[in-house]
Amino acid sequence: MTPMVFAKGLADSGFWGDKLFGRIMVEDLEVGQGFQRKACRARAIYGLEPVFESGRTGVIKIRNLIAFGGRSENTLMERNYDITIQECKIQNSSREYCKIFAAEARAIPAFGPVPEIIPVYLIYRPANNVPYATMEEDLPGQFERFCGRERDGSLAPASASEVGHKCTAFQHWLYQWTNGNLLVTDLEGVGWKVTNVRIVTRTKGYQGLKDSCCPALLEHFAASHRCNRYCELLALKSLETPQPPAKAKGSRSPISNRKAPSAQASPQLQKKGLASPQPLRKGSVSPKSARRCPEVTESQPPARPKAGDNGKASRTQ
């Protein structure tokens, strides 16, 4: 069994600590009613101290459906290893975020107790066909889903309990902390201890998370979230759904509307199109006669009036 350690906080991508070699005995083959993970209860015999004392029970979890490319056993084991590493990364990094959230919440006396995300450990069982799995603390009691997703993948309404409201505030805080790039979508557990964490990211590979990209859920959360009392205690800003296409259309249309009539109705362009005021003063031509000039030139012979006009214009210049 190997723990994941974040020695430098969230700036660190995490590394594996010292390995513990021990023995466990499986007691219950099926624990819980989840369809995403297969869980069983095991009892530590020896070798896992101080994480699991002798006689203490823990829960071993494996991803229920493992899709892999080939049929060879090695390919299945590699896929099992990659998925288990991601499971450890998701819950343990969420735990580090929750520690920062708890530190800020404890500074507010009216906030009260804060939920805690329990750590998970990577275990390797050489005698199993699917050797890699996660092991975590056994939480006795009835599980409650505080935040989750529906079967179609959309966000489900949060629990109305105090823990549910604080988990929703943690979602809001994490969304704001990461500038809308990461969101915890699944939080369930017993009491104040939370597990079975799932997250989504806006971009693929954000903080080393490969299979968690789902920007639609982030936008859905920003549009559907309603701040509660704990969001107000943390002074979190209300979420607004970003709409860059709408802003772009709104910024282009007024400019295009201004440019279209400007070629005909702009005062500056009209001034440029008119003749210089000095010739008008010398000739003392009224505006009405200026408008009649094209009609007069049409009635005169074409050659001489044009030449005389061009000569006057050149002398005036």
Protein backbone atom coordinates (compact mmCIF):
# COMPACT_ATOMS: atom_id res chain seq x y z
CA MET A 1 0.00 0.00 0.00
CA THR A 2 1.34 3.43 -1.02
CA PRO A 3 0.05 6.87 0.03
CA MET A 4 0.01 9.90 -2.27
CA VAL A 5 1.87 12.85 -0.75
CA PHE A 6 1.60 16.55 -1.60
CA ALA A 7 4.71 17.99 -0.01
CA LYS A 8 4.54 21.39 -1.73
CA GLY A 9 0.81 21.93 -1.62
CA LEU A 10 -1.28 22.19 -4.76
CA ALA A 11 1.71 23.44 -6.75
CA ASP A 12 3.06 19.90 -6.46
CA SER A 13 1.60 17.24 -8.77
CA GLY A 14 1.93 14.71 -5.96
CA PHE A 15 4.27 11.79 -5.48
CA TRP A 16 4.13 8.39 -3.85
CA GLY A 17 5.33 7.98 -0.30
CA ASP A 18 6.95 4.99 1.37
CA LYS A 19 5.45 1.61 0.56
CA LEU A 20 3.86 -0.49 3.28
CA PHE A 21 3.92 -4.25 2.88
CA GLY A 22 1.24 -6.08 4.80
CA ARG A 23 -1.58 -8.58 4.76
CA ILE A 24 -5.35 -8.07 4.58
CA MET A 25 -8.34 -10.39 4.76
CA VAL A 26 -11.47 -9.74 2.71
CA GLU A 27 -14.67 -9.98 4.76
CA ASP A 28 -17.55 -8.60 2.64
CA LEU A 29 -17.30 -9.04 -1.12
CA GLU A 30 -19.95 -6.45 -1.95
CA VAL A 31 -20.31 -3.18 -0.06
CA GLY A 32 -22.61 -0.35 -1.08
CA GLN A 33 -24.93 0.03 -4.03
CA GLY A 34 -22.81 2.08 -6.41
CA PHE A 35 -22.57 1.13 -10.08
CA GLN A 36 -19.38 3.05 -10.89
CA ARG A 37 -17.13 1.24 -8.44
CA LYS A 38 -17.04 -2.24 -7.02
CA ALA A 39 -16.28 -2.17 -3.30
CA CYS A 40 -15.43 -4.80 -0.71
CA ARG A 41 -14.58 -4.59 2.99
CA ALA A 42 -11.19 -5.88 4.17
CA ARG A 43 -9.55 -6.17 7.57
CA ALA A 44 -5.90 -5.32 8.13
CA ILE A 45 -3.90 -8.17 9.65
CA TYR A 46 -0.43 -6.62 9.91
CA GLY A 47 2.05 -4.38 8.13
CA LEU A 48 -0.18 -1.36 7.34
CA GLU A 49 0.51 0.67 10.49
CA PRO A 50 0.08 3.54 11.19
CA VAL A 51 -2.54 4.00 8.47
CA PHE A 52 -4.52 0.88 9.32
CA GLU A 53 -3.93 -0.65 12.70
CA SER A 54 -4.16 -4.40 13.09
CA GLY A 55 -7.82 -5.43 13.14
CA ARG A 56 -9.07 -2.19 11.60
CA THR A 57 -11.33 -2.43 8.55
CA GLY A 58 -11.03 -0.55 5.29
CA VAL A 59 -12.85 -0.45 1.98
CA ILE A 60 -11.20 -1.55 -1.27
CA LYS A 61 -12.61 -0.01 -4.43
CA ILE A 62 -12.11 -0.85 -8.11
CA ARG A 63 -13.58 0.88 -11.14
CA ASN A 64 -16.51 -1.29 -12.13
CA LEU A 65 -16.06 -1.09 -15.92
CA ILE A 66 -12.53 -1.03 -17.32
CA ALA A 67 -12.33 -0.42 -21.07
CA PHE A 68 -9.06 -1.46 -22.67
CA GLY A 69 -7.89 -1.77 -26.25
CA GLY A 70 -6.45 -5.27 -26.58
CA ARG A 71 -7.23 -8.67 -25.14
CA SER A 72 -3.89 -9.31 -23.53
CA GLU A 73 -3.65 -9.44 -19.77
CA ASN A 74 -0.82 -6.91 -19.71
CA THR A 75 -2.95 -4.32 -21.48
CA LEU A 76 -5.73 -4.82 -18.93
CA MET A 77 -3.28 -4.42 -16.06
CA GLU A 78 -1.86 -1.23 -17.53
CA ARG A 79 -5.33 0.21 -17.99
CA ASN A 80 -6.23 -0.83 -14.45
CA TYR A 81 -3.11 0.93 -13.17
CA ASP A 82 -3.81 4.18 -15.07
CA ILE A 83 -7.42 4.33 -13.87
CA THR A 84 -6.44 3.67 -10.26
CA ILE A 85 -3.76 6.37 -10.37
CA GLN A 86 -6.39 8.84 -11.62
CA GLU A 87 -8.78 7.82 -8.82
CA CYS A 88 -6.08 8.53 -6.24
CA LYS A 89 -5.19 11.81 -7.91
CA ILE A 90 -8.81 13.01 -8.00
CA GLN A 91 -9.73 12.35 -4.38
CA ASN A 92 -6.39 13.27 -2.82
CA SER A 93 -6.06 16.55 -4.74
CA SER A 94 -9.68 17.37 -3.80
CA ARG A 95 -8.70 16.68 -0.20
CA GLU A 96 -5.89 19.26 -0.46
CA TYR A 97 -8.36 21.83 -1.80
CA CYS A 98 -10.75 20.98 1.02
CA LYS A 99 -7.98 21.61 3.57
CA ILE A 100 -7.55 25.17 2.28
CA PHE A 101 -11.32 25.65 2.25
CA ALA A 102 -11.53 24.42 5.86
CA ALA A 103 -8.77 26.80 6.94
CA GLU A 104 -10.68 29.77 5.53
CA ALA A 105 -14.00 28.56 6.95
CA ARG A 106 -12.62 28.06 10.46
CA ALA A 107 -11.59 31.71 10.53
CA ILE A 108 -15.33 32.54 10.50
CA PRO A 109 -16.85 31.70 13.92
CA ALA A 110 -20.39 31.41 12.56
CA PHE A 111 -19.43 28.84 9.92
CA GLY A 112 -19.21 25.85 12.25
CA PRO A 113 -17.78 22.41 11.38
CA VAL A 114 -16.39 21.74 7.91
CA PRO A 115 -16.67 18.56 5.79
CA GLU A 116 -13.51 16.48 5.40
CA ILE A 117 -12.56 14.45 2.35
CA ILE A 118 -10.85 11.26 3.47
CA PRO A 119 -7.62 10.12 1.75
CA VAL A 120 -7.34 7.06 -0.49
CA TYR A 121 -4.31 4.80 -0.89
CA LEU A 122 -2.98 2.82 -3.81
CA ILE A 123 -2.73 -0.90 -3.14
CA TYR A 124 -1.28 -3.69 -5.24
CA ARG A 125 -2.56 -7.26 -4.81
CA PRO A 126 -0.39 -9.61 -6.88
CA ALA A 127 -2.79 -12.55 -6.54
CA ASN A 128 -5.72 -10.74 -8.22
CA ASN A 129 -6.49 -10.56 -11.93
CA VAL A 130 -7.13 -6.81 -11.47
CA PRO A 131 -4.30 -6.11 -9.02
CA TYR A 132 -4.48 -2.32 -8.56
CA ALA A 133 -7.18 -0.76 -6.39
CA THR A 134 -7.74 1.99 -3.85
CA MET A 135 -8.16 1.50 -0.11
CA GLU A 136 -9.73 3.97 2.27
CA GLU A 137 -11.20 4.28 5.72
CA ASP A 138 -14.37 2.33 6.45
CA LEU A 139 -17.19 4.75 7.26
CA PRO A 140 -19.85 2.98 9.34
CA GLY A 141 -23.39 4.28 8.96
CA GLN A 142 -25.84 5.26 6.26
CA PHE A 143 -24.30 6.97 3.24
CA GLU A 144 -25.82 10.24 2.08
CA ARG A 145 -25.23 11.93 -1.25
CA PHE A 146 -24.54 15.61 -0.68
CA CYS A 147 -23.72 16.58 -4.29
CA GLY A 148 -23.92 14.34 -7.31
CA ARG A 149 -24.89 13.76 -10.91
CA GLU A 150 -27.91 12.23 -12.53
CA ARG A 151 -27.77 9.18 -14.75
CA ASP A 152 -27.75 11.41 -17.83
CA GLY A 153 -24.66 13.22 -16.53
CA SER A 154 -26.31 16.48 -15.44
CA LEU A 155 -25.86 17.91 -11.96
CA ALA A 156 -28.35 16.70 -9.37
CA PRO A 157 -29.87 19.01 -6.73
CA ALA A 158 -27.77 19.20 -3.57
CA SER A 159 -28.86 17.80 -0.25
CA ALA A 160 -30.89 20.10 1.98
CA SER A 161 -28.86 19.19 5.09
CA GLU A 162 -26.21 21.40 6.66
CA VAL A 163 -23.45 19.22 5.23
CA GLY A 164 -25.07 19.47 1.80
CA HIS A 165 -25.17 23.27 1.94
CA LYS A 166 -21.53 23.40 3.01
CA CYS A 167 -20.53 21.00 0.24
CA THR A 168 -22.31 23.30 -2.22
CA ALA A 169 -20.38 26.24 -0.76
CA PHE A 170 -17.19 24.20 -1.25
CA GLN A 171 -18.15 23.69 -4.90
CA HIS A 172 -18.65 27.44 -5.31
CA TRP A 173 -15.38 28.22 -3.52
CA LEU A 174 -13.41 25.74 -5.64
CA TYR A 175 -14.95 27.04 -8.86
CA GLN A 176 -13.93 30.57 -7.93
CA TRP A 177 -10.50 29.51 -6.59
CA THR A 178 -9.58 27.83 -9.90
CA ASN A 179 -11.11 30.62 -12.05
CA GLY A 180 -13.80 28.30 -13.34
CA ASN A 181 -11.42 25.54 -14.44
CA LEU A 182 -12.29 22.81 -11.92
CA LEU A 183 -15.42 21.64 -10.13
CA VAL A 184 -16.16 18.87 -7.64
CA THR A 185 -19.33 17.14 -8.84
CA ASP A 186 -19.78 14.15 -6.51
CA LEU A 187 -19.56 14.28 -2.73
CA GLU A 188 -21.09 11.65 -0.49
CA GLY A 189 -20.31 10.10 2.85
CA VAL A 190 -21.34 9.67 6.46
CA GLY A 191 -21.56 12.64 8.80
CA TRP A 192 -18.79 15.12 8.08
CA LYS A 193 -16.53 12.65 6.27
CA VAL A 194 -16.81 12.66 2.50
CA THR A 195 -15.63 10.20 -0.16
CA ASN A 196 -16.41 8.97 -3.70
CA VAL A 197 -15.27 12.30 -5.11
CA ARG A 198 -15.55 13.06 -8.81
CA ILE A 199 -14.44 16.23 -10.55
CA VAL A 200 -14.65 17.86 -13.97
CA THR A 201 -12.24 20.25 -15.64
CA ARG A 202 -12.66 22.83 -18.39
CA THR A 203 -9.63 21.64 -20.37
CA LYS A 204 -8.19 18.19 -20.83
CA GLY A 205 -5.08 17.52 -18.77
CA TYR A 206 -5.70 20.29 -16.24
CA GLN A 207 -3.45 19.52 -13.24
CA GLY A 208 -2.70 16.11 -14.70
CA LEU A 209 -6.35 14.99 -14.92
CA LYS A 210 -6.83 13.30 -18.28
CA ASP A 211 -10.36 11.86 -18.30
CA SER A 212 -12.28 14.57 -16.47
CA CYS A 213 -12.82 17.22 -19.15
CA CYS A 214 -16.45 18.38 -19.33
CA PRO A 215 -16.85 22.15 -19.78
CA ALA A 216 -20.64 21.81 -20.18
CA LEU A 217 -21.02 20.82 -16.52
CA LEU A 218 -19.01 23.84 -15.42
CA GLU A 219 -21.31 26.14 -17.37
CA HIS A 220 -24.35 24.32 -16.01
CA PHE A 221 -23.13 24.81 -12.44
CA ALA A 222 -22.47 28.51 -13.01
CA ALA A 223 -25.98 28.95 -14.41
CA SER A 224 -27.87 26.85 -11.85
CA HIS A 225 -26.00 27.56 -8.60
CA ARG A 226 -27.82 29.62 -5.98
CA CYS A 227 -25.70 30.97 -3.16
CA ASN A 228 -26.66 29.92 0.37
CA ARG A 229 -25.80 31.25 3.80
CA TYR A 230 -22.33 29.72 3.81
CA CYS A 231 -21.46 31.23 0.44
CA GLU A 232 -22.34 34.62 1.90
CA LEU A 233 -20.23 33.99 5.01
CA LEU A 234 -17.25 33.25 2.77
CA ALA A 235 -17.99 36.41 0.75
CA LEU A 236 -18.09 34.46 -2.50
CA LYS A 237 -19.09 36.30 -5.64
CA SER A 238 -22.25 35.33 -7.45
CA LEU A 239 -21.58 33.18 -10.48
CA GLU A 240 -22.42 34.43 -13.93
CA THR A 241 -22.39 32.30 -17.02
CA PRO A 242 -19.79 33.60 -19.49
CA GLN A 243 -21.31 34.36 -22.91
CA PRO A 244 -18.49 35.45 -25.22
CA PRO A 245 -20.43 34.89 -28.49
CA ALA A 246 -23.30 37.13 -27.35
CA LYS A 247 -20.90 39.89 -26.31
CA ALA A 248 -19.09 39.70 -29.63
CA LYS A 249 -22.32 40.08 -31.58
CA GLY A 250 -23.43 42.95 -29.39
CA SER A 251 -20.13 44.77 -29.86
CA ARG A 252 -20.07 44.37 -33.64
CA SER A 253 -23.63 45.34 -34.48
CA PRO A 254 -23.54 48.93 -33.14
CA ILE A 255 -20.32 49.63 -35.01
CA SER A 256 -21.68 48.26 -38.26
CA ASN A 257 -24.87 50.23 -37.76
CA ARG A 258 -22.83 53.38 -37.32
CA LYS A 259 -20.65 52.75 -40.36
CA ALA A 260 -23.54 52.08 -42.72
CA PRO A 261 -25.24 55.48 -42.48
CA SER A 262 -21.98 57.37 -41.95
CA ALA A 263 -21.17 57.30 -45.68
CA GLN A 264 -24.31 59.29 -46.39
CA ALA A 265 -25.19 61.19 -43.21
CA SER A 266 -21.85 61.93 -41.55
CA PRO A 267 -21.29 65.73 -41.35
CA GLN A 268 -17.54 65.37 -41.85
CA LEU A 269 -17.88 63.40 -45.05
CA GLN A 270 -20.38 65.90 -46.39
CA LYS A 271 -17.92 68.71 -45.75
CA LYS A 272 -15.20 66.83 -47.62
CA GLY A 273 -17.50 66.24 -50.55
CA LEU A 274 -18.44 69.97 -50.91
CA ALA A 275 -16.33 72.48 -52.76
CA SER A 276 -14.12 74.94 -50.96
CA PRO A 277 -16.04 77.90 -49.46
CA GLN A 278 -13.66 80.47 -51.04
CA PRO A 279 -14.83 79.99 -54.64
CA LEU A 280 -18.40 80.22 -53.42
CA ARG A 281 -17.71 83.57 -51.78
CA LYS A 282 -15.94 84.98 -54.84
CA GLY A 283 -18.67 83.98 -57.16
CA SER A 284 -21.33 84.84 -54.60
CA VAL A 285 -23.36 81.88 -55.73
CA SER A 286 -26.32 80.97 -53.61
CA PRO A 287 -26.92 77.35 -52.56
CA LYS A 288 -29.95 77.17 -54.83
CA SER A 289 -27.93 78.20 -57.86
CA ALA A 290 -25.19 75.77 -56.84
CA ARG A 291 -27.70 72.96 -57.03
CA ARG A 292 -28.82 74.18 -60.49
CA CYS A 293 -25.29 74.21 -61.90
CA PRO A 294 -25.42 70.61 -63.21
CA GLU A 295 -28.62 71.46 -65.12
CA VAL A 296 -27.02 74.55 -66.73
CA THR A 297 -23.91 72.67 -67.79
CA GLU A 298 -26.08 70.04 -69.43
CA SER A 299 -27.83 72.71 -71.58
CA GLN A 300 -24.54 74.28 -72.78
CA PRO A 301 -22.26 72.76 -75.41
CA PRO A 302 -20.04 70.10 -73.82
CA ALA A 303 -16.58 71.23 -74.99
CA ARG A 304 -16.26 74.96 -74.20
CA PRO A 305 -18.00 75.09 -70.76
CA LYS A 306 -15.88 72.20 -69.48
CA ALA A 307 -12.69 73.82 -70.69
CA GLY A 308 -13.67 77.18 -69.18
CA ASP A 309 -14.61 75.54 -65.91
CA ASN A 310 -11.36 73.61 -65.77
CA GLY A 311 -9.43 76.79 -66.37
CA LYS A 312 -11.20 78.63 -63.58
CA ALA A 313 -10.64 75.78 -61.24
CA SER A 314 -6.96 75.70 -62.05
CA ARG A 315 -6.59 79.47 -61.58
CA THR A 316 -8.42 79.27 -58.25
CA GLN A 317 -6.13 76.51 -57.07
